[in-house]
Amino acid sequence: MAIRAFLFDFDGLIIDTELASRAGWELLYRDHGHELPPELWATVVGTYGAWDPMVHLEELVGEPLEREALNERRNAHEIALIEAEELRPGIAEYLAAARQRRLKRAIVSSANRGWVDSHLERLEAAAGWDAICTADRDPSRAKPAPTLYLEALSALEVAASEAVAFEDSPNGVRAAKSAGIFCVAVPNEVTRDLGLDEAGADLILDSLADLPPDELLGRFSEE
């Protein structure tokens, strides 16, 4: 069956926000004499509500913290780093190929819609999406549940077998595969060693730029 849609994760896939997000929490932990536990941080990548680092930090410190002030400091640090980021390699080429081939395009993200929209506008990439499905701080909708991918398929009116999902995290891969979608994993510095193969990715690339869109689509026409 011919591919009719590309479904893209957002954080860490379209733009590398993952490193900045981790750096923000590392800053707070170090300010309080502790290190952010990598094994616990890995559980929150690509999802929402799996673990609360602020609660954990308060447990380590032994007292309540000024959460609002700390979150403002963390957010400022993250945004300063993210604003230097551009589209990850290969993304622009895949979006262009989708336009040329009239494939439908969607974003499927465990983040909230405002976060996604703000960064798309900064990158001048807000136009042309056929659907944007976000968890909006609802853990029950976030990956690894397939909910968001199933919503995207319904919104685009395509079957799972007619779509390709692009993910960077194990939680994202599991969500796509649970929805029955072929999944290409493109890790970043944060997710590279988190077990994307074990999560069930059909294809793992060091960079999306390593595989031209026509070559990927050609694999399905040969099946």
C-alpha atoms as a PDB file:
ATOM      1  CA  MET A   1       0.000   0.000   0.000  1.00  0.00           C
ATOM      2  CA  ALA A   2       1.333   3.455  -0.902  1.00  0.00           C
ATOM      3  CA  ILE A   3       2.373   5.832   1.859  1.00  0.00           C
ATOM      4  CA  ARG A   4      -0.003   8.796   2.170  1.00  0.00           C
ATOM      5  CA  ALA A   5       1.178  10.518   5.354  1.00  0.00           C
ATOM      6  CA  PHE A   6       4.239  11.458   7.388  1.00  0.00           C
ATOM      7  CA  LEU A   7       3.708  11.750  11.145  1.00  0.00           C
ATOM      8  CA  PHE A   8       6.388  13.642  13.038  1.00  0.00           C
ATOM      9  CA  ASP A   9       7.155  13.775  16.732  1.00  0.00           C
ATOM     10  CA  PHE A  10       8.162  17.292  17.786  1.00  0.00           C
ATOM     11  CA  ASP A  11      10.580  17.564  20.724  1.00  0.00           C
ATOM     12  CA  GLY A  12      13.925  16.028  19.839  1.00  0.00           C
ATOM     13  CA  LEU A  13      12.803  15.128  16.318  1.00  0.00           C
ATOM     14  CA  ILE A  14      11.824  18.293  14.460  1.00  0.00           C
ATOM     15  CA  ILE A  15      13.902  20.472  16.776  1.00  0.00           C
ATOM     16  CA  ASP A  16      16.291  19.294  19.472  1.00  0.00           C
ATOM     17  CA  THR A  17      14.686  20.563  22.652  1.00  0.00           C
ATOM     18  CA  GLU A  18      15.637  17.446  24.617  1.00  0.00           C
ATOM     19  CA  LEU A  19      19.173  18.537  25.462  1.00  0.00           C
ATOM     20  CA  ALA A  20      17.966  21.950  26.636  1.00  0.00           C
ATOM     21  CA  SER A  21      15.185  20.419  28.718  1.00  0.00           C
ATOM     22  CA  ARG A  22      17.615  18.133  30.495  1.00  0.00           C
ATOM     23  CA  ALA A  23      20.094  20.995  30.959  1.00  0.00           C
ATOM     24  CA  GLY A  24      17.443  23.090  32.704  1.00  0.00           C
ATOM     25  CA  TRP A  25      16.846  20.433  35.328  1.00  0.00           C
ATOM     26  CA  GLU A  26      20.553  19.688  35.665  1.00  0.00           C
ATOM     27  CA  LEU A  27      21.032  23.359  36.519  1.00  0.00           C
ATOM     28  CA  LEU A  28      18.504  23.222  39.356  1.00  0.00           C
ATOM     29  CA  TYR A  29      19.849  19.977  40.760  1.00  0.00           C
ATOM     30  CA  ARG A  30      23.428  21.249  40.778  1.00  0.00           C
ATOM     31  CA  ASP A  31      22.329  24.506  42.383  1.00  0.00           C
ATOM     32  CA  HIS A  32      21.164  22.336  45.288  1.00  0.00           C
ATOM     33  CA  GLY A  33      24.219  20.087  45.424  1.00  0.00           C
ATOM     34  CA  HIS A  34      22.803  17.105  43.556  1.00  0.00           C
ATOM     35  CA  GLU A  35      22.926  15.487  40.115  1.00  0.00           C
ATOM     36  CA  LEU A  36      19.924  14.748  37.935  1.00  0.00           C
ATOM     37  CA  PRO A  37      19.600  10.925  37.846  1.00  0.00           C
ATOM     38  CA  PRO A  38      19.935   9.865  34.193  1.00  0.00           C
ATOM     39  CA  GLU A  39      17.992   6.649  34.697  1.00  0.00           C
ATOM     40  CA  LEU A  40      15.007   8.571  36.074  1.00  0.00           C
ATOM     41  CA  TRP A  41      15.235  11.334  33.499  1.00  0.00           C
ATOM     42  CA  ALA A  42      15.090   8.699  30.749  1.00  0.00           C
ATOM     43  CA  THR A  43      11.564   7.790  31.869  1.00  0.00           C
ATOM     44  CA  VAL A  44      10.175  11.258  31.078  1.00  0.00           C
ATOM     45  CA  VAL A  45      11.632  11.658  27.581  1.00  0.00           C
ATOM     46  CA  GLY A  46       8.875  11.637  24.982  1.00  0.00           C
ATOM     47  CA  THR A  47       6.024  11.450  27.467  1.00  0.00           C
ATOM     48  CA  TYR A  48       4.324  13.478  30.200  1.00  0.00           C
ATOM     49  CA  GLY A  49       3.810  12.829  33.900  1.00  0.00           C
ATOM     50  CA  ALA A  50       5.950   9.704  34.214  1.00  0.00           C
ATOM     51  CA  TRP A  51       8.188  11.197  36.919  1.00  0.00           C
ATOM     52  CA  ASP A  52       8.310  14.546  38.746  1.00  0.00           C
ATOM     53  CA  PRO A  53      11.887  15.861  39.064  1.00  0.00           C
ATOM     54  CA  MET A  54      10.798  18.741  41.313  1.00  0.00           C
ATOM     55  CA  VAL A  55       9.288  16.355  43.845  1.00  0.00           C
ATOM     56  CA  HIS A  56      12.421  14.238  43.676  1.00  0.00           C
ATOM     57  CA  LEU A  57      14.669  17.267  44.203  1.00  0.00           C
ATOM     58  CA  GLU A  58      12.639  18.328  47.232  1.00  0.00           C
ATOM     59  CA  GLU A  59      13.054  14.828  48.658  1.00  0.00           C
ATOM     60  CA  LEU A  60      16.821  15.065  48.178  1.00  0.00           C
ATOM     61  CA  VAL A  61      17.006  18.532  49.757  1.00  0.00           C
ATOM     62  CA  GLY A  62      14.673  17.539  52.565  1.00  0.00           C
ATOM     63  CA  GLU A  63      12.359  20.540  52.403  1.00  0.00           C
ATOM     64  CA  PRO A  64       9.872  22.302  50.109  1.00  0.00           C
ATOM     65  CA  LEU A  65      11.412  24.547  47.449  1.00  0.00           C
ATOM     66  CA  GLU A  66      10.294  27.799  45.861  1.00  0.00           C
ATOM     67  CA  ARG A  67       8.884  25.996  42.854  1.00  0.00           C
ATOM     68  CA  GLU A  68       7.650  29.020  40.917  1.00  0.00           C
ATOM     69  CA  ALA A  69      10.978  30.843  41.114  1.00  0.00           C
ATOM     70  CA  LEU A  70      12.952  27.718  40.271  1.00  0.00           C
ATOM     71  CA  ASN A  71      10.766  26.874  37.308  1.00  0.00           C
ATOM     72  CA  GLU A  72      11.172  30.408  35.976  1.00  0.00           C
ATOM     73  CA  ARG A  73      14.954  30.039  36.231  1.00  0.00           C
ATOM     74  CA  ARG A  74      14.854  26.621  34.579  1.00  0.00           C
ATOM     75  CA  ASN A  75      12.544  27.763  31.781  1.00  0.00           C
ATOM     76  CA  ALA A  76      14.701  30.796  31.032  1.00  0.00           C
ATOM     77  CA  HIS A  77      17.775  28.580  30.764  1.00  0.00           C
ATOM     78  CA  GLU A  78      15.986  26.120  28.490  1.00  0.00           C
ATOM     79  CA  ILE A  79      14.561  28.762  26.171  1.00  0.00           C
ATOM     80  CA  ALA A  80      17.935  30.476  25.818  1.00  0.00           C
ATOM     81  CA  LEU A  81      19.382  27.175  24.600  1.00  0.00           C
ATOM     82  CA  ILE A  82      16.444  26.225  22.385  1.00  0.00           C
ATOM     83  CA  GLU A  83      16.374  29.564  20.594  1.00  0.00           C
ATOM     84  CA  ALA A  84      19.737  28.682  19.079  1.00  0.00           C
ATOM     85  CA  GLU A  85      18.313  25.469  17.601  1.00  0.00           C
ATOM     86  CA  GLU A  86      17.120  25.085  14.022  1.00  0.00           C
ATOM     87  CA  LEU A  87      15.261  22.253  12.288  1.00  0.00           C
ATOM     88  CA  ARG A  88      17.169  19.021  12.724  1.00  0.00           C
ATOM     89  CA  PRO A  89      19.013  17.709   9.637  1.00  0.00           C
ATOM     90  CA  GLY A  90      16.745  16.172   7.041  1.00  0.00           C
ATOM     91  CA  ILE A  91      13.485  17.577   8.408  1.00  0.00           C
ATOM     92  CA  ALA A  92      13.169  20.350   5.817  1.00  0.00           C
ATOM     93  CA  GLU A  93      13.821  17.852   3.024  1.00  0.00           C
ATOM     94  CA  TYR A  94      11.136  15.483   4.311  1.00  0.00           C
ATOM     95  CA  LEU A  95       8.607  18.296   4.656  1.00  0.00           C
ATOM     96  CA  ALA A  96       9.399  19.436   1.120  1.00  0.00           C
ATOM     97  CA  ALA A  97       9.051  15.898  -0.210  1.00  0.00           C
ATOM     98  CA  ALA A  98       5.662  15.581   1.484  1.00  0.00           C
ATOM     99  CA  ARG A  99       4.483  18.776  -0.209  1.00  0.00           C
ATOM    100  CA  GLN A 100       5.770  17.679  -3.596  1.00  0.00           C
ATOM    101  CA  ARG A 101       4.180  14.245  -3.335  1.00  0.00           C
ATOM    102  CA  ARG A 102       0.990  15.597  -1.732  1.00  0.00           C
ATOM    103  CA  LEU A 103       1.456  13.495   1.363  1.00  0.00           C
ATOM    104  CA  LYS A 104      -0.400  14.564   4.468  1.00  0.00           C
ATOM    105  CA  ARG A 105       1.712  15.883   7.344  1.00  0.00           C
ATOM    106  CA  ALA A 106       1.023  15.824  11.060  1.00  0.00           C
ATOM    107  CA  ILE A 107       2.779  16.516  14.331  1.00  0.00           C
ATOM    108  CA  VAL A 108       2.151  13.997  17.104  1.00  0.00           C
ATOM    109  CA  SER A 109       3.556  15.222  20.416  1.00  0.00           C
ATOM    110  CA  SER A 110       3.258  14.569  24.149  1.00  0.00           C
ATOM    111  CA  ALA A 111       3.873  18.306  24.697  1.00  0.00           C
ATOM    112  CA  ASN A 112       1.182  20.993  24.828  1.00  0.00           C
ATOM    113  CA  ARG A 113      -0.088  22.798  21.743  1.00  0.00           C
ATOM    114  CA  GLY A 114       1.154  26.234  22.792  1.00  0.00           C
ATOM    115  CA  TRP A 115       4.719  24.945  23.128  1.00  0.00           C
ATOM    116  CA  VAL A 116       4.640  23.359  19.676  1.00  0.00           C
ATOM    117  CA  ASP A 117       3.045  26.385  18.013  1.00  0.00           C
ATOM    118  CA  SER A 118       5.504  28.865  19.521  1.00  0.00           C
ATOM    119  CA  HIS A 119       8.540  27.006  18.210  1.00  0.00           C
ATOM    120  CA  LEU A 120       7.013  26.348  14.793  1.00  0.00           C
ATOM    121  CA  GLU A 121       6.349  30.072  14.425  1.00  0.00           C
ATOM    122  CA  ARG A 122       9.916  30.932  15.395  1.00  0.00           C
ATOM    123  CA  LEU A 123      11.225  28.470  12.832  1.00  0.00           C
ATOM    124  CA  GLU A 124       8.778  29.757  10.198  1.00  0.00           C
ATOM    125  CA  ALA A 125       7.408  26.233   9.902  1.00  0.00           C
ATOM    126  CA  ALA A 126       3.876  26.729  11.208  1.00  0.00           C
ATOM    127  CA  ALA A 127       2.121  26.444   7.852  1.00  0.00           C
ATOM    128  CA  GLY A 128       1.186  23.323   5.933  1.00  0.00           C
ATOM    129  CA  TRP A 129       0.333  20.899   8.731  1.00  0.00           C
ATOM    130  CA  ASP A 130      -2.804  18.845   8.185  1.00  0.00           C
ATOM    131  CA  ALA A 131      -3.078  17.972  11.879  1.00  0.00           C
ATOM    132  CA  ILE A 132      -1.294  18.695  15.153  1.00  0.00           C
ATOM    133  CA  CYS A 133      -2.149  16.273  17.955  1.00  0.00           C
ATOM    134  CA  THR A 134      -0.810  17.068  21.432  1.00  0.00           C
ATOM    135  CA  ALA A 135      -1.273  15.615  24.925  1.00  0.00           C
ATOM    136  CA  ASP A 136      -1.784  19.027  26.571  1.00  0.00           C
ATOM    137  CA  ARG A 137      -0.610  17.920  30.032  1.00  0.00           C
ATOM    138  CA  ASP A 138      -2.913  14.879  30.092  1.00  0.00           C
ATOM    139  CA  PRO A 139      -0.790  11.838  31.060  1.00  0.00           C
ATOM    140  CA  SER A 140      -3.465   9.447  29.801  1.00  0.00           C
ATOM    141  CA  ARG A 141      -3.058  10.824  26.259  1.00  0.00           C
ATOM    142  CA  ALA A 142       0.731  11.027  26.278  1.00  0.00           C
ATOM    143  CA  LYS A 143       3.024   8.487  24.685  1.00  0.00           C
ATOM    144  CA  PRO A 144       3.695   5.551  24.990  1.00  0.00           C
ATOM    145  CA  ALA A 145      -0.089   5.258  24.717  1.00  0.00           C
ATOM    146  CA  PRO A 146      -1.107   5.129  21.026  1.00  0.00           C
ATOM    147  CA  THR A 147      -3.903   7.678  21.573  1.00  0.00           C
ATOM    148  CA  LEU A 148      -2.266  10.626  19.803  1.00  0.00           C
ATOM    149  CA  TYR A 149      -1.234   8.552  16.803  1.00  0.00           C
ATOM    150  CA  LEU A 150      -4.705   7.086  16.464  1.00  0.00           C
ATOM    151  CA  GLU A 151      -6.137  10.606  16.600  1.00  0.00           C
ATOM    152  CA  ALA A 152      -3.718  11.722  13.885  1.00  0.00           C
ATOM    153  CA  LEU A 153      -4.662   8.809  11.612  1.00  0.00           C
ATOM    154  CA  SER A 154      -8.340   9.636  12.081  1.00  0.00           C
ATOM    155  CA  ALA A 155      -7.807  13.357  11.444  1.00  0.00           C
ATOM    156  CA  LEU A 156      -5.827  12.634   8.273  1.00  0.00           C
ATOM    157  CA  GLU A 157      -8.206   9.881   7.161  1.00  0.00           C
ATOM    158  CA  VAL A 158      -5.390   7.433   6.473  1.00  0.00           C
ATOM    159  CA  ALA A 159      -4.822   3.865   7.602  1.00  0.00           C
ATOM    160  CA  ALA A 160      -1.903   2.924   9.830  1.00  0.00           C
ATOM    161  CA  SER A 161      -0.365   1.030   6.912  1.00  0.00           C
ATOM    162  CA  GLU A 162      -0.430   4.240   4.834  1.00  0.00           C
ATOM    163  CA  ALA A 163       1.669   6.263   7.291  1.00  0.00           C
ATOM    164  CA  VAL A 164       5.250   6.557   8.471  1.00  0.00           C
ATOM    165  CA  ALA A 165       6.048   7.893  11.947  1.00  0.00           C
ATOM    166  CA  PHE A 166       9.307   9.621  12.815  1.00  0.00           C
ATOM    167  CA  GLU A 167      10.370   9.458  16.461  1.00  0.00           C
ATOM    168  CA  ASP A 168      13.416  10.061  18.655  1.00  0.00           C
ATOM    169  CA  SER A 169      12.464   8.315  21.916  1.00  0.00           C
ATOM    170  CA  PRO A 170      11.459   4.823  23.067  1.00  0.00           C
ATOM    171  CA  ASN A 171       8.151   6.185  24.409  1.00  0.00           C
ATOM    172  CA  GLY A 172       7.399   7.645  20.996  1.00  0.00           C
ATOM    173  CA  VAL A 173       8.397   4.490  19.150  1.00  0.00           C
ATOM    174  CA  ARG A 174       6.159   2.373  21.384  1.00  0.00           C
ATOM    175  CA  ALA A 175       3.241   4.727  20.765  1.00  0.00           C
ATOM    176  CA  ALA A 176       3.650   4.565  16.986  1.00  0.00           C
ATOM    177  CA  LYS A 177       4.078   0.801  16.928  1.00  0.00           C
ATOM    178  CA  SER A 178       1.078   0.302  19.224  1.00  0.00           C
ATOM    179  CA  ALA A 179      -0.940   2.215  16.636  1.00  0.00           C
ATOM    180  CA  GLY A 180       0.363  -0.134  13.927  1.00  0.00           C
ATOM    181  CA  ILE A 181       2.529   2.450  12.152  1.00  0.00           C
ATOM    182  CA  PHE A 182       5.951   1.895  10.545  1.00  0.00           C
ATOM    183  CA  CYS A 183       8.374   3.875  12.711  1.00  0.00           C
ATOM    184  CA  VAL A 184      11.689   5.486  11.794  1.00  0.00           C
ATOM    185  CA  ALA A 185      13.729   6.377  14.880  1.00  0.00           C
ATOM    186  CA  VAL A 186      16.175   9.274  14.676  1.00  0.00           C
ATOM    187  CA  PRO A 187      17.875   9.611  18.074  1.00  0.00           C
ATOM    188  CA  ASN A 188      19.542  12.689  19.474  1.00  0.00           C
ATOM    189  CA  GLU A 189      22.214  13.052  22.144  1.00  0.00           C
ATOM    190  CA  VAL A 190      19.703  12.456  24.934  1.00  0.00           C
ATOM    191  CA  THR A 191      17.905   9.452  23.413  1.00  0.00           C
ATOM    192  CA  ARG A 192      20.711   7.679  21.541  1.00  0.00           C
ATOM    193  CA  ASP A 193      21.367   5.114  24.285  1.00  0.00           C
ATOM    194  CA  LEU A 194      17.813   4.625  25.539  1.00  0.00           C
ATOM    195  CA  GLY A 195      17.017   1.407  23.639  1.00  0.00           C
ATOM    196  CA  LEU A 196      15.202   2.447  20.478  1.00  0.00           C
ATOM    197  CA  ASP A 197      15.711  -0.997  18.964  1.00  0.00           C
ATOM    198  CA  GLU A 198      14.217  -2.648  22.021  1.00  0.00           C
ATOM    199  CA  ALA A 199      11.230  -0.310  21.756  1.00  0.00           C
ATOM    200  CA  GLY A 200      10.511  -1.791  18.317  1.00  0.00           C
ATOM    201  CA  ALA A 201      11.678   0.831  15.825  1.00  0.00           C
ATOM    202  CA  ASP A 202      11.503  -0.500  12.267  1.00  0.00           C
ATOM    203  CA  LEU A 203      14.461   1.607  11.164  1.00  0.00           C
ATOM    204  CA  ILE A 204      17.053   3.587  13.148  1.00  0.00           C
ATOM    205  CA  LEU A 205      19.027   6.388  11.506  1.00  0.00           C
ATOM    206  CA  ASP A 206      21.818   8.523  12.914  1.00  0.00           C
ATOM    207  CA  SER A 207      20.270  11.411  11.003  1.00  0.00           C
ATOM    208  CA  LEU A 208      17.216  11.799   8.808  1.00  0.00           C
ATOM    209  CA  ALA A 209      19.565  13.397   6.293  1.00  0.00           C
ATOM    210  CA  ASP A 210      21.168   9.954   5.831  1.00  0.00           C
ATOM    211  CA  LEU A 211      18.117   8.600   4.003  1.00  0.00           C
ATOM    212  CA  PRO A 212      16.543  10.704   1.221  1.00  0.00           C
ATOM    213  CA  PRO A 213      12.718  10.749   1.325  1.00  0.00           C
ATOM    214  CA  ASP A 214      12.405   9.134  -2.096  1.00  0.00           C
ATOM    215  CA  GLU A 215      14.591   6.253  -0.970  1.00  0.00           C
ATOM    216  CA  LEU A 216      12.462   5.667   2.111  1.00  0.00           C
ATOM    217  CA  LEU A 217       9.244   5.772   0.108  1.00  0.00           C
ATOM    218  CA  GLY A 218      10.792   3.459  -2.464  1.00  0.00           C
ATOM    219  CA  ARG A 219      11.111   0.770   0.175  1.00  0.00           C
ATOM    220  CA  PHE A 220       7.332   0.584   0.458  1.00  0.00           C
ATOM    221  CA  SER A 221       6.712   0.477  -3.279  1.00  0.00           C
ATOM    222  CA  GLU A 222       9.058  -2.513  -3.441  1.00  0.00           C
ATOM    223  CA  GLU A 223       7.159  -4.491  -0.820  1.00  0.00           C
END
